[in-house]
Each structure stands twice: as structure tokens, then as C-alpha cells.
């Protein structure tokens, strides 16, 4: 029987309390009963420390518990497995805590780079790589291009007139249940650089909201004349209506001559949008604020 994570957390708290006093008494709650069951299983005699209402802890008892953990190659008390990857947990011992471990993709993002020929692999227009956010040197990139949809990300090329002023832009998939956490870390780090962050995604209420949530500075969209002709009520999902209130507030705060106003009016007043896969014409980047 492994030491349950709630029991380990409780014992870690007791260990801290024992630094200030010789004994600590805890009522018979679930985590304490877990400790009692674990101690009985490993022949640790609780003797006079236990009664029907409470368990009294002291440094000698914690030392016995640590001896058993060490002999079983488990992490000692005071060493939390929470937030560690499985490989990092493995270095602490044979115990694995899947419930609190760091997801294997917690810091991963999908990035699109210029072609990188590889022996044995057919050449492709762009090289797609799964990378650790912490391994990206952000100073090497002049702009962040956040692509909302995965199919559009695979096809996206920054070789566009609207992006010609940016040398070596960093093209990244927005993320989903697999890569969303990693992108959130990247977006936060990028925001601190105060450099351009362009959102390339759906022209709909949720798309613009996602751009604002990720601190994007610009939207990559067709010019307003083309979009006015092509946008359709069919691309304005009813389930996105709750997001409109926030965008209406954002529209109200924009200066009267702001270029985003025409786009927001088309989206909110005329109730017309267009998914990223349908966008065409000459693309421009439009400031969000």
C-alpha cells in the first residue's frame, strides 16, 4: 500500500509543526485514518499515541515512517510529488502520483519553423515541432503569430505582405486540451516583451475574445471591404452570444476613428462572421486597442 497523497500532505504539515513543539495531536479524520492503516500494514506500533478520537505525532514516529519509505524506495516526508513530471517523480522513488503530476504537455507548444530538411523525411513547406516553452529564446523572434485552428496552423505561412515587416516571426498553435497550457505560459512570457502579438483565427465573437484573453495586440484579417462582402450570419454560432457583452464593452472604449471599429460593427451589429478557413483576399493586421 502506497502512502496516499492526502496522508503524505497531512504528515508534511505535522513535520512543520513539530519544528515548533515536541508533539502534535490530530483528530481522526480521513487522512489520519489513512496514516493509521498504513502504519499497521508496515508494522509500525502506534502504542499509546492513538485512541478513538486522535493520533499523537512526534519526531520518533515520523522517523519510523521515513525509515519504511526509504526501505520501500519511496520519497521521504517533506518531498512533495505534486507538480512533478513522471520522470521527476521517478527520481524520488518508485511511487507515482498521477493525480498531481505535471502533464507531459504542460510546457509544450506546437511551433511552425522554416523548412528544416531531415534525412529520410520528405521536404515540407514548414517544419512543425513540439517544443518546450522554456527552450524558446524569445529575443530571437520579432513577433508572435498565434494561430487558432490546427488545420490552419499546419498550412500557415508567414510569407504574407501583412507580415513582411517582421523578421523571423514565431508561429505557434493556440492550443487545445493538449497544448493550451503550454501556450498560456508562452503568451504570458511574450506579453512581458511588449512586442507584437498577432492573432490569426476565426472572425467571430469567440475568436476575438480568445485574442483579447491571450493579450494579443493585433488580429490578422482580410481588409474590411472584402470581409464585408464575404462574412455571413451562418458563421455566427448562437452559443457564442454570451461573449458579445464583453466585445460590445471593448467596442465602446475604442476611439471613434479606430480601424477595429468597422470590424466589430460587422461582427456585433450586423451579426456576420467568417471562420478562419474561409478567410481570403489581402490580409492586414488590425490593432486590438
C-alpha atoms as a PDB file:
ATOM      1  CA  UNK A   1       0.000   0.000   0.000  1.00  0.00           C
ATOM      2  CA  UNK A   2       1.445   3.358  -1.088  1.00  0.00           C
ATOM      3  CA  UNK A   3       1.179   6.265   1.287  1.00  0.00           C
ATOM      4  CA  UNK A   4      -1.902   8.163  -0.037  1.00  0.00           C
ATOM      5  CA  UNK A   5      -1.174  11.690  -1.225  1.00  0.00           C
ATOM      6  CA  UNK A   6      -3.600  13.220   1.307  1.00  0.00           C
ATOM      7  CA  UNK A   7      -1.831  11.315   4.114  1.00  0.00           C
ATOM      8  CA  UNK A   8       1.557  12.492   2.832  1.00  0.00           C
ATOM      9  CA  UNK A   9       0.329  16.092   2.726  1.00  0.00           C
ATOM     10  CA  UNK A  10      -1.021  15.788   6.265  1.00  0.00           C
ATOM     11  CA  UNK A  11       2.255  14.319   7.539  1.00  0.00           C
ATOM     12  CA  UNK A  12       4.225  17.084   5.831  1.00  0.00           C
ATOM     13  CA  UNK A  13       2.138  19.610   7.749  1.00  0.00           C
ATOM     14  CA  UNK A  14       2.759  17.717  11.001  1.00  0.00           C
ATOM     15  CA  UNK A  15       6.516  17.711  10.306  1.00  0.00           C
ATOM     16  CA  UNK A  16       6.457  21.507  10.059  1.00  0.00           C
ATOM     17  CA  UNK A  17       4.514  21.800  13.308  1.00  0.00           C
ATOM     18  CA  UNK A  18       6.997  19.505  15.092  1.00  0.00           C
ATOM     19  CA  UNK A  19       9.727  22.043  14.399  1.00  0.00           C
ATOM     20  CA  UNK A  20       7.993  24.299  16.940  1.00  0.00           C
ATOM     21  CA  UNK A  21       6.672  21.799  19.511  1.00  0.00           C
ATOM     22  CA  UNK A  22       7.526  18.260  20.729  1.00  0.00           C
ATOM     23  CA  UNK A  23       4.178  16.604  19.877  1.00  0.00           C
ATOM     24  CA  UNK A  24       1.224  17.296  17.584  1.00  0.00           C
ATOM     25  CA  UNK A  25      -2.225  15.758  18.077  1.00  0.00           C
ATOM     26  CA  UNK A  26      -4.604  15.365  15.126  1.00  0.00           C
ATOM     27  CA  UNK A  27      -8.263  14.255  15.252  1.00  0.00           C
ATOM     28  CA  UNK A  28      -9.224  11.004  13.498  1.00  0.00           C
ATOM     29  CA  UNK A  29     -10.078  12.447  10.090  1.00  0.00           C
ATOM     30  CA  UNK A  30      -9.722  10.596   6.801  1.00  0.00           C
ATOM     31  CA  UNK A  31      -6.051  11.388   6.198  1.00  0.00           C
ATOM     32  CA  UNK A  32      -5.176  10.411   9.793  1.00  0.00           C
ATOM     33  CA  UNK A  33      -7.015   7.100   9.367  1.00  0.00           C
ATOM     34  CA  UNK A  34      -5.030   6.577   6.149  1.00  0.00           C
ATOM     35  CA  UNK A  35      -1.822   7.043   8.162  1.00  0.00           C
ATOM     36  CA  UNK A  36      -3.062   4.610  10.829  1.00  0.00           C
ATOM     37  CA  UNK A  37      -3.891   1.945   8.223  1.00  0.00           C
ATOM     38  CA  UNK A  38      -0.518   2.465   6.516  1.00  0.00           C
ATOM     39  CA  UNK A  39       1.365   2.191   9.813  1.00  0.00           C
ATOM     40  CA  UNK A  40      -0.475  -1.029  10.743  1.00  0.00           C
ATOM     41  CA  UNK A  41       0.326  -2.500   7.345  1.00  0.00           C
ATOM     42  CA  UNK A  42       4.023  -1.732   7.843  1.00  0.00           C
ATOM     43  CA  UNK A  43       4.151  -2.940  11.473  1.00  0.00           C
ATOM     44  CA  UNK A  44       4.680   0.491  12.978  1.00  0.00           C
ATOM     45  CA  UNK A  45       3.386   0.273  16.564  1.00  0.00           C
ATOM     46  CA  UNK A  46       1.343   3.343  17.424  1.00  0.00           C
ATOM     47  CA  UNK A  47       1.039   2.150  21.056  1.00  0.00           C
ATOM     48  CA  UNK A  48      -0.150   4.880  23.377  1.00  0.00           C
ATOM     49  CA  UNK A  49      -0.135   7.504  20.606  1.00  0.00           C
ATOM     50  CA  UNK A  50      -3.580   6.527  19.355  1.00  0.00           C
ATOM     51  CA  UNK A  51      -7.115   6.447  20.700  1.00  0.00           C
ATOM     52  CA  UNK A  52     -10.578   6.514  19.160  1.00  0.00           C
ATOM     53  CA  UNK A  53     -10.530  10.293  18.744  1.00  0.00           C
ATOM     54  CA  UNK A  54      -6.995  11.320  17.856  1.00  0.00           C
ATOM     55  CA  UNK A  55      -3.442  10.341  16.885  1.00  0.00           C
ATOM     56  CA  UNK A  56      -0.464  11.963  18.564  1.00  0.00           C
ATOM     57  CA  UNK A  57       2.604  12.534  16.403  1.00  0.00           C
ATOM     58  CA  UNK A  58       6.198  13.027  17.495  1.00  0.00           C
ATOM     59  CA  UNK A  59       9.580  13.044  15.771  1.00  0.00           C
ATOM     60  CA  UNK A  60      10.205   9.381  16.624  1.00  0.00           C
ATOM     61  CA  UNK A  61       7.032   8.297  14.815  1.00  0.00           C
ATOM     62  CA  UNK A  62       7.897  10.364  11.738  1.00  0.00           C
ATOM     63  CA  UNK A  63      11.402   8.874  11.760  1.00  0.00           C
ATOM     64  CA  UNK A  64       9.889   5.357  11.705  1.00  0.00           C
ATOM     65  CA  UNK A  65       7.625   6.343   8.823  1.00  0.00           C
ATOM     66  CA  UNK A  66      10.593   7.745   6.893  1.00  0.00           C
ATOM     67  CA  UNK A  67      12.596   4.556   7.505  1.00  0.00           C
ATOM     68  CA  UNK A  68       9.814   2.496   5.919  1.00  0.00           C
ATOM     69  CA  UNK A  69       9.516   4.921   2.994  1.00  0.00           C
ATOM     70  CA  UNK A  70      13.263   4.761   2.398  1.00  0.00           C
ATOM     71  CA  UNK A  71      13.361   0.955   2.510  1.00  0.00           C
ATOM     72  CA  UNK A  72      10.458   0.840   0.016  1.00  0.00           C
ATOM     73  CA  UNK A  73      12.268   3.358  -2.244  1.00  0.00           C
ATOM     74  CA  UNK A  74       9.534   5.949  -1.783  1.00  0.00           C
ATOM     75  CA  UNK A  75      10.010   9.717  -1.456  1.00  0.00           C
ATOM     76  CA  UNK A  76      10.612  10.779   2.166  1.00  0.00           C
ATOM     77  CA  UNK A  77       8.286  13.138   4.011  1.00  0.00           C
ATOM     78  CA  UNK A  78       8.762  16.753   3.093  1.00  0.00           C
ATOM     79  CA  UNK A  79       9.375  15.842  -0.557  1.00  0.00           C
ATOM     80  CA  UNK A  80       6.185  16.603  -2.481  1.00  0.00           C
ATOM     81  CA  UNK A  81       5.458  14.778  -5.731  1.00  0.00           C
ATOM     82  CA  UNK A  82       2.819  17.329  -6.677  1.00  0.00           C
ATOM     83  CA  UNK A  83       3.563  19.175  -9.909  1.00  0.00           C
ATOM     84  CA  UNK A  84       6.487  16.935 -10.858  1.00  0.00           C
ATOM     85  CA  UNK A  85       6.625  15.090 -14.146  1.00  0.00           C
ATOM     86  CA  UNK A  86       6.579  11.297 -14.033  1.00  0.00           C
ATOM     87  CA  UNK A  87      10.302  11.213 -14.794  1.00  0.00           C
ATOM     88  CA  UNK A  88      10.981  13.660 -11.944  1.00  0.00           C
ATOM     89  CA  UNK A  89       8.802  11.549  -9.637  1.00  0.00           C
ATOM     90  CA  UNK A  90      10.827   8.508 -10.680  1.00  0.00           C
ATOM     91  CA  UNK A  91      13.976  10.180  -9.335  1.00  0.00           C
ATOM     92  CA  UNK A  92      12.285  10.499  -5.943  1.00  0.00           C
ATOM     93  CA  UNK A  93      11.393   6.799  -5.765  1.00  0.00           C
ATOM     94  CA  UNK A  94       9.159   4.141  -7.252  1.00  0.00           C
ATOM     95  CA  UNK A  95       5.924   5.881  -6.238  1.00  0.00           C
ATOM     96  CA  UNK A  96       3.879   7.677  -8.921  1.00  0.00           C
ATOM     97  CA  UNK A  97       1.165  10.219  -8.193  1.00  0.00           C
ATOM     98  CA  UNK A  98      -0.690  10.662 -11.469  1.00  0.00           C
ATOM     99  CA  UNK A  99      -3.382  12.852  -9.922  1.00  0.00           C
ATOM    100  CA  UNK A 100      -0.976  15.680  -9.071  1.00  0.00           C
ATOM    101  CA  UNK A 101       1.828  15.182 -11.563  1.00  0.00           C
ATOM    102  CA  UNK A 102       2.656  17.759 -14.204  1.00  0.00           C
ATOM    103  CA  UNK A 103       1.104  16.851 -17.549  1.00  0.00           C
ATOM    104  CA  UNK A 104       3.680  15.739 -20.159  1.00  0.00           C
ATOM    105  CA  UNK A 105       2.449  18.614 -22.367  1.00  0.00           C
ATOM    106  CA  UNK A 106       2.164  21.243 -19.618  1.00  0.00           C
ATOM    107  CA  UNK A 107       5.037  23.267 -21.087  1.00  0.00           C
ATOM    108  CA  UNK A 108       4.833  22.071 -24.693  1.00  0.00           C
ATOM    109  CA  UNK A 109       3.726  24.102 -27.713  1.00  0.00           C
ATOM    110  CA  UNK A 110       3.468  23.357 -31.428  1.00  0.00           C
ATOM    111  CA  UNK A 111       5.675  25.718 -33.418  1.00  0.00           C
ATOM    112  CA  UNK A 112       5.973  26.196 -37.174  1.00  0.00           C
ATOM    113  CA  UNK A 113       9.516  26.911 -38.391  1.00  0.00           C
ATOM    114  CA  UNK A 114      11.018  27.474 -41.861  1.00  0.00           C
ATOM    115  CA  UNK A 115      11.781  24.224 -43.744  1.00  0.00           C
ATOM    116  CA  UNK A 116      14.383  22.068 -42.000  1.00  0.00           C
ATOM    117  CA  UNK A 117      15.423  19.208 -44.333  1.00  0.00           C
ATOM    118  CA  UNK A 118      15.839  15.901 -42.497  1.00  0.00           C
ATOM    119  CA  UNK A 119      17.353  12.741 -43.941  1.00  0.00           C
ATOM    120  CA  UNK A 120      14.674  10.156 -44.589  1.00  0.00           C
ATOM    121  CA  UNK A 121      11.808  12.657 -44.343  1.00  0.00           C
ATOM    122  CA  UNK A 122      10.090  14.247 -47.322  1.00  0.00           C
ATOM    123  CA  UNK A 123      10.554  18.005 -47.579  1.00  0.00           C
ATOM    124  CA  UNK A 124       7.578  20.062 -46.402  1.00  0.00           C
ATOM    125  CA  UNK A 125       6.803  23.793 -46.751  1.00  0.00           C
ATOM    126  CA  UNK A 126       7.139  24.259 -42.976  1.00  0.00           C
ATOM    127  CA  UNK A 127       8.712  22.254 -40.160  1.00  0.00           C
ATOM    128  CA  UNK A 128       6.262  21.586 -37.310  1.00  0.00           C
ATOM    129  CA  UNK A 129       7.904  20.910 -33.954  1.00  0.00           C
ATOM    130  CA  UNK A 130       6.698  20.133 -30.453  1.00  0.00           C
ATOM    131  CA  UNK A 131       8.964  22.206 -28.178  1.00  0.00           C
ATOM    132  CA  UNK A 132       9.303  23.135 -24.521  1.00  0.00           C
ATOM    133  CA  UNK A 133       8.306  26.768 -23.923  1.00  0.00           C
ATOM    134  CA  UNK A 134      11.306  27.222 -21.644  1.00  0.00           C
ATOM    135  CA  UNK A 135      13.586  26.272 -24.539  1.00  0.00           C
ATOM    136  CA  UNK A 136      12.441  29.174 -26.731  1.00  0.00           C
ATOM    137  CA  UNK A 137      14.695  32.226 -26.820  1.00  0.00           C
ATOM    138  CA  UNK A 138      12.026  34.873 -27.301  1.00  0.00           C
ATOM    139  CA  UNK A 139      14.509  37.621 -28.145  1.00  0.00           C
ATOM    140  CA  UNK A 140      15.219  35.803 -31.433  1.00  0.00           C
ATOM    141  CA  UNK A 141      11.694  36.498 -32.721  1.00  0.00           C
ATOM    142  CA  UNK A 142      10.253  39.840 -33.800  1.00  0.00           C
ATOM    143  CA  UNK A 143       6.577  38.910 -33.454  1.00  0.00           C
ATOM    144  CA  UNK A 144       4.347  36.141 -32.134  1.00  0.00           C
ATOM    145  CA  UNK A 145       1.769  34.738 -34.566  1.00  0.00           C
ATOM    146  CA  UNK A 146      -0.927  32.789 -32.684  1.00  0.00           C
ATOM    147  CA  UNK A 147      -2.949  30.505 -34.976  1.00  0.00           C
ATOM    148  CA  UNK A 148      -6.339  29.441 -33.640  1.00  0.00           C
ATOM    149  CA  UNK A 149      -7.235  26.346 -35.679  1.00  0.00           C
ATOM    150  CA  UNK A 150      -4.976  23.316 -36.019  1.00  0.00           C
ATOM    151  CA  UNK A 151      -5.633  22.700 -39.723  1.00  0.00           C
ATOM    152  CA  UNK A 152      -4.921  26.368 -40.472  1.00  0.00           C
ATOM    153  CA  UNK A 153      -1.776  26.186 -38.342  1.00  0.00           C
ATOM    154  CA  UNK A 154      -0.360  23.299 -40.396  1.00  0.00           C
ATOM    155  CA  UNK A 155      -0.952  25.298 -43.585  1.00  0.00           C
ATOM    156  CA  UNK A 156       0.034  28.720 -42.254  1.00  0.00           C
ATOM    157  CA  UNK A 157       2.982  30.544 -43.791  1.00  0.00           C
ATOM    158  CA  UNK A 158       4.188  33.909 -42.513  1.00  0.00           C
ATOM    159  CA  UNK A 159       5.268  34.820 -46.057  1.00  0.00           C
ATOM    160  CA  UNK A 160       2.447  37.358 -46.313  1.00  0.00           C
ATOM    161  CA  UNK A 161       2.671  41.054 -47.271  1.00  0.00           C
ATOM    162  CA  UNK A 162       0.959  41.948 -43.997  1.00  0.00           C
ATOM    163  CA  UNK A 163       3.805  40.250 -42.073  1.00  0.00           C
ATOM    164  CA  UNK A 164       6.705  41.410 -44.258  1.00  0.00           C
ATOM    165  CA  UNK A 165       7.892  43.845 -41.606  1.00  0.00           C
ATOM    166  CA  UNK A 166       8.602  41.060 -39.097  1.00  0.00           C
ATOM    167  CA  UNK A 167      11.866  39.162 -39.260  1.00  0.00           C
ATOM    168  CA  UNK A 168      11.642  35.551 -38.074  1.00  0.00           C
ATOM    169  CA  UNK A 169       8.159  35.646 -36.535  1.00  0.00           C
ATOM    170  CA  UNK A 170       7.315  32.868 -34.070  1.00  0.00           C
ATOM    171  CA  UNK A 171       4.301  30.930 -35.433  1.00  0.00           C
ATOM    172  CA  UNK A 172       2.543  28.915 -32.707  1.00  0.00           C
ATOM    173  CA  UNK A 173      -0.656  26.874 -32.483  1.00  0.00           C
ATOM    174  CA  UNK A 174      -3.088  28.379 -29.949  1.00  0.00           C
ATOM    175  CA  UNK A 175      -3.501  25.029 -28.272  1.00  0.00           C
ATOM    176  CA  UNK A 176      -6.334  22.806 -27.120  1.00  0.00           C
ATOM    177  CA  UNK A 177      -6.742  20.315 -24.285  1.00  0.00           C
ATOM    178  CA  UNK A 178      -3.258  19.027 -25.167  1.00  0.00           C
ATOM    179  CA  UNK A 179      -1.284  22.219 -25.845  1.00  0.00           C
ATOM    180  CA  UNK A 180      -3.367  25.011 -24.303  1.00  0.00           C
ATOM    181  CA  UNK A 181      -1.424  25.122 -21.035  1.00  0.00           C
ATOM    182  CA  UNK A 182       1.908  25.490 -22.787  1.00  0.00           C
ATOM    183  CA  UNK A 183       0.635  28.319 -24.956  1.00  0.00           C
ATOM    184  CA  UNK A 184      -0.709  30.168 -21.905  1.00  0.00           C
ATOM    185  CA  UNK A 185       2.821  30.138 -20.446  1.00  0.00           C
ATOM    186  CA  UNK A 186       4.235  31.393 -23.740  1.00  0.00           C
ATOM    187  CA  UNK A 187       1.635  34.158 -24.081  1.00  0.00           C
ATOM    188  CA  UNK A 188       2.374  35.373 -20.555  1.00  0.00           C
ATOM    189  CA  UNK A 189       6.125  35.440 -21.202  1.00  0.00           C
ATOM    190  CA  UNK A 190       5.666  37.122 -24.582  1.00  0.00           C
ATOM    191  CA  UNK A 191       3.418  39.817 -23.115  1.00  0.00           C
ATOM    192  CA  UNK A 192       6.310  40.906 -20.904  1.00  0.00           C
ATOM    193  CA  UNK A 193       8.459  41.555 -24.013  1.00  0.00           C
ATOM    194  CA  UNK A 194       5.969  44.236 -25.186  1.00  0.00           C
ATOM    195  CA  UNK A 195       6.411  43.079 -28.784  1.00  0.00           C
ATOM    196  CA  UNK A 196       3.722  42.487 -31.414  1.00  0.00           C
ATOM    197  CA  UNK A 197       1.394  39.516 -30.848  1.00  0.00           C
ATOM    198  CA  UNK A 198      -0.853  38.788 -33.851  1.00  0.00           C
ATOM    199  CA  UNK A 199      -3.906  36.531 -33.557  1.00  0.00           C
ATOM    200  CA  UNK A 200      -4.782  34.589 -36.714  1.00  0.00           C
ATOM    201  CA  UNK A 201      -8.116  32.885 -36.223  1.00  0.00           C
ATOM    202  CA  UNK A 202     -11.866  32.921 -36.756  1.00  0.00           C
ATOM    203  CA  UNK A 203     -13.608  36.225 -37.339  1.00  0.00           C
ATOM    204  CA  UNK A 204     -16.283  35.568 -34.759  1.00  0.00           C
ATOM    205  CA  UNK A 205     -17.099  36.615 -31.211  1.00  0.00           C
ATOM    206  CA  UNK A 206     -15.187  33.798 -29.567  1.00  0.00           C
ATOM    207  CA  UNK A 207     -12.134  34.261 -31.796  1.00  0.00           C
ATOM    208  CA  UNK A 208     -11.789  37.939 -30.894  1.00  0.00           C
ATOM    209  CA  UNK A 209     -12.395  37.103 -27.224  1.00  0.00           C
ATOM    210  CA  UNK A 210      -9.622  34.491 -27.296  1.00  0.00           C
ATOM    211  CA  UNK A 211      -7.312  37.074 -28.839  1.00  0.00           C
ATOM    212  CA  UNK A 212      -8.051  39.516 -26.021  1.00  0.00           C
ATOM    213  CA  UNK A 213      -7.631  36.794 -23.382  1.00  0.00           C
ATOM    214  CA  UNK A 214      -4.161  35.946 -24.680  1.00  0.00           C
ATOM    215  CA  UNK A 215      -3.089  39.628 -24.702  1.00  0.00           C
ATOM    216  CA  UNK A 216      -2.783  39.738 -28.490  1.00  0.00           C
ATOM    217  CA  UNK A 217      -2.076  43.200 -29.889  1.00  0.00           C
ATOM    218  CA  UNK A 218      -3.452  42.638 -33.404  1.00  0.00           C
ATOM    219  CA  UNK A 219      -5.853  40.491 -35.432  1.00  0.00           C
ATOM    220  CA  UNK A 220      -4.829  39.105 -38.835  1.00  0.00           C
ATOM    221  CA  UNK A 221      -7.887  39.624 -41.054  1.00  0.00           C
ATOM    222  CA  UNK A 222      -8.880  40.424 -44.652  1.00  0.00           C
ATOM    223  CA  UNK A 223      -9.426  44.110 -45.429  1.00  0.00           C
ATOM    224  CA  UNK A 224     -12.844  45.324 -44.351  1.00  0.00           C
ATOM    225  CA  UNK A 225     -14.232  45.686 -47.885  1.00  0.00           C
ATOM    226  CA  UNK A 226     -13.527  42.025 -48.726  1.00  0.00           C
ATOM    227  CA  UNK A 227     -14.760  40.817 -45.360  1.00  0.00           C
ATOM    228  CA  UNK A 228     -17.980  42.843 -45.599  1.00  0.00           C
ATOM    229  CA  UNK A 229     -18.778  41.045 -48.863  1.00  0.00           C
ATOM    230  CA  UNK A 230     -17.903  37.544 -47.636  1.00  0.00           C
ATOM    231  CA  UNK A 231     -18.915  37.466 -43.958  1.00  0.00           C
ATOM    232  CA  UNK A 232     -22.104  35.511 -43.287  1.00  0.00           C
ATOM    233  CA  UNK A 233     -24.670  35.013 -40.497  1.00  0.00           C
ATOM    234  CA  UNK A 234     -24.012  31.268 -40.922  1.00  0.00           C
ATOM    235  CA  UNK A 235     -20.648  31.754 -39.178  1.00  0.00           C
ATOM    236  CA  UNK A 236     -22.122  33.397 -36.077  1.00  0.00           C
ATOM    237  CA  UNK A 237     -22.867  30.452 -33.734  1.00  0.00           C
ATOM    238  CA  UNK A 238     -25.684  31.017 -31.249  1.00  0.00           C
ATOM    239  CA  UNK A 239     -23.612  29.503 -28.430  1.00  0.00           C
ATOM    240  CA  UNK A 240     -21.207  32.442 -28.758  1.00  0.00           C
ATOM    241  CA  UNK A 241     -23.819  35.096 -27.981  1.00  0.00           C
ATOM    242  CA  UNK A 242     -22.835  35.281 -24.271  1.00  0.00           C
ATOM    243  CA  UNK A 243     -19.379  36.531 -25.347  1.00  0.00           C
ATOM    244  CA  UNK A 244     -20.867  39.569 -27.109  1.00  0.00           C
ATOM    245  CA  UNK A 245     -21.316  41.670 -23.987  1.00  0.00           C
ATOM    246  CA  UNK A 246     -17.582  41.848 -23.387  1.00  0.00           C
ATOM    247  CA  UNK A 247     -16.853  42.771 -27.009  1.00  0.00           C
ATOM    248  CA  UNK A 248     -19.527  45.488 -27.001  1.00  0.00           C
ATOM    249  CA  UNK A 249     -17.815  46.985 -23.971  1.00  0.00           C
ATOM    250  CA  UNK A 250     -14.471  46.794 -25.794  1.00  0.00           C
ATOM    251  CA  UNK A 251     -16.024  48.480 -28.858  1.00  0.00           C
ATOM    252  CA  UNK A 252     -17.359  51.327 -26.734  1.00  0.00           C
ATOM    253  CA  UNK A 253     -13.861  52.019 -25.393  1.00  0.00           C
ATOM    254  CA  UNK A 254     -12.275  52.294 -28.862  1.00  0.00           C
ATOM    255  CA  UNK A 255     -11.514  55.767 -30.293  1.00  0.00           C
ATOM    256  CA  UNK A 256     -14.013  56.912 -32.935  1.00  0.00           C
ATOM    257  CA  UNK A 257     -11.528  56.537 -35.822  1.00  0.00           C
ATOM    258  CA  UNK A 258     -10.042  53.202 -34.689  1.00  0.00           C
ATOM    259  CA  UNK A 259      -9.776  50.720 -37.600  1.00  0.00           C
ATOM    260  CA  UNK A 260     -11.147  47.864 -35.469  1.00  0.00           C
ATOM    261  CA  UNK A 261     -14.495  49.664 -35.148  1.00  0.00           C
ATOM    262  CA  UNK A 262     -15.691  48.675 -38.620  1.00  0.00           C
ATOM    263  CA  UNK A 263     -14.809  45.023 -37.975  1.00  0.00           C
ATOM    264  CA  UNK A 264     -16.556  44.978 -34.609  1.00  0.00           C
ATOM    265  CA  UNK A 265     -19.637  46.664 -36.088  1.00  0.00           C
ATOM    266  CA  UNK A 266     -19.808  43.996 -38.804  1.00  0.00           C
ATOM    267  CA  UNK A 267     -19.480  41.305 -36.155  1.00  0.00           C
ATOM    268  CA  UNK A 268     -21.764  42.694 -33.450  1.00  0.00           C
ATOM    269  CA  UNK A 269     -24.318  44.914 -35.166  1.00  0.00           C
ATOM    270  CA  UNK A 270     -24.704  43.070 -38.457  1.00  0.00           C
ATOM    271  CA  UNK A 271     -24.156  39.662 -36.792  1.00  0.00           C
ATOM    272  CA  UNK A 272     -21.858  38.377 -39.510  1.00  0.00           C
ATOM    273  CA  UNK A 273     -18.636  36.399 -39.201  1.00  0.00           C
ATOM    274  CA  UNK A 274     -16.297  34.074 -41.075  1.00  0.00           C
ATOM    275  CA  UNK A 275     -14.258  31.075 -39.983  1.00  0.00           C
ATOM    276  CA  UNK A 276     -10.505  31.171 -40.431  1.00  0.00           C
ATOM    277  CA  UNK A 277     -10.538  28.536 -43.177  1.00  0.00           C
ATOM    278  CA  UNK A 278     -12.787  30.797 -45.299  1.00  0.00           C
ATOM    279  CA  UNK A 279     -10.697  33.962 -44.936  1.00  0.00           C
ATOM    280  CA  UNK A 280      -9.127  35.237 -48.146  1.00  0.00           C
ATOM    281  CA  UNK A 281      -8.264  38.384 -50.037  1.00  0.00           C
ATOM    282  CA  UNK A 282      -5.454  40.648 -48.893  1.00  0.00           C
ATOM    283  CA  UNK A 283      -4.785  40.157 -45.196  1.00  0.00           C
ATOM    284  CA  UNK A 284      -3.958  43.052 -42.895  1.00  0.00           C
ATOM    285  CA  UNK A 285      -3.190  43.232 -39.207  1.00  0.00           C
ATOM    286  CA  UNK A 286      -5.648  45.303 -37.226  1.00  0.00           C
ATOM    287  CA  UNK A 287      -4.770  46.668 -33.784  1.00  0.00           C
ATOM    288  CA  UNK A 288      -6.987  45.384 -30.971  1.00  0.00           C
ATOM    289  CA  UNK A 289      -6.746  48.546 -28.890  1.00  0.00           C
END
